[in-house]
């Protein structure tokens, strides 16, 4: 009986240990729901684009948030190098089922008028980690999109060494 009780304690402690750790959310995430605009058939019948909020959680705790255009041509996806974008840089730390994030605007290629102090200030929030395939930020559900990893790195690379 003591052996069964000891075995039960070991199994339960291993099971609960897994629940205390947050799933790894490193990588590029995009909203689950996207609106795709299709290129004219005469240009390319397989090409479409979407305006997105892209989250890139780097494994070192750095966060890049981009408002950008992504292109999809069949199974090839890429972050646009020529459309307008805004880039935020910050940090993230996952604990249990949430990740604390802090970020600030570091680049915007389209100038806007008026007071910009709010836009360039520090922002923070919480990401709810539903599971390894879904997170929620400000009511928007996101999913991982590994097909955008290479082009996100190309576009955000110059901003990775920006000091907070």
Foldseek 3Di string as FASTA:
>chain_A
DVVVVVVVVVVVVVVVVVQFDEDDQAAKKWFPDWDWDADPVVVPRQKIKTFTFMWGQHPVFKIKTKGFMWMDGPPAIETDPPDWMWIKIWGWDDTRQKIKIKIATDDTPDDDDDDCPVRGDMDIDMWGHPDNAWIDDPRTIMGHDRSHRVRVCVRCVVVPPDDD
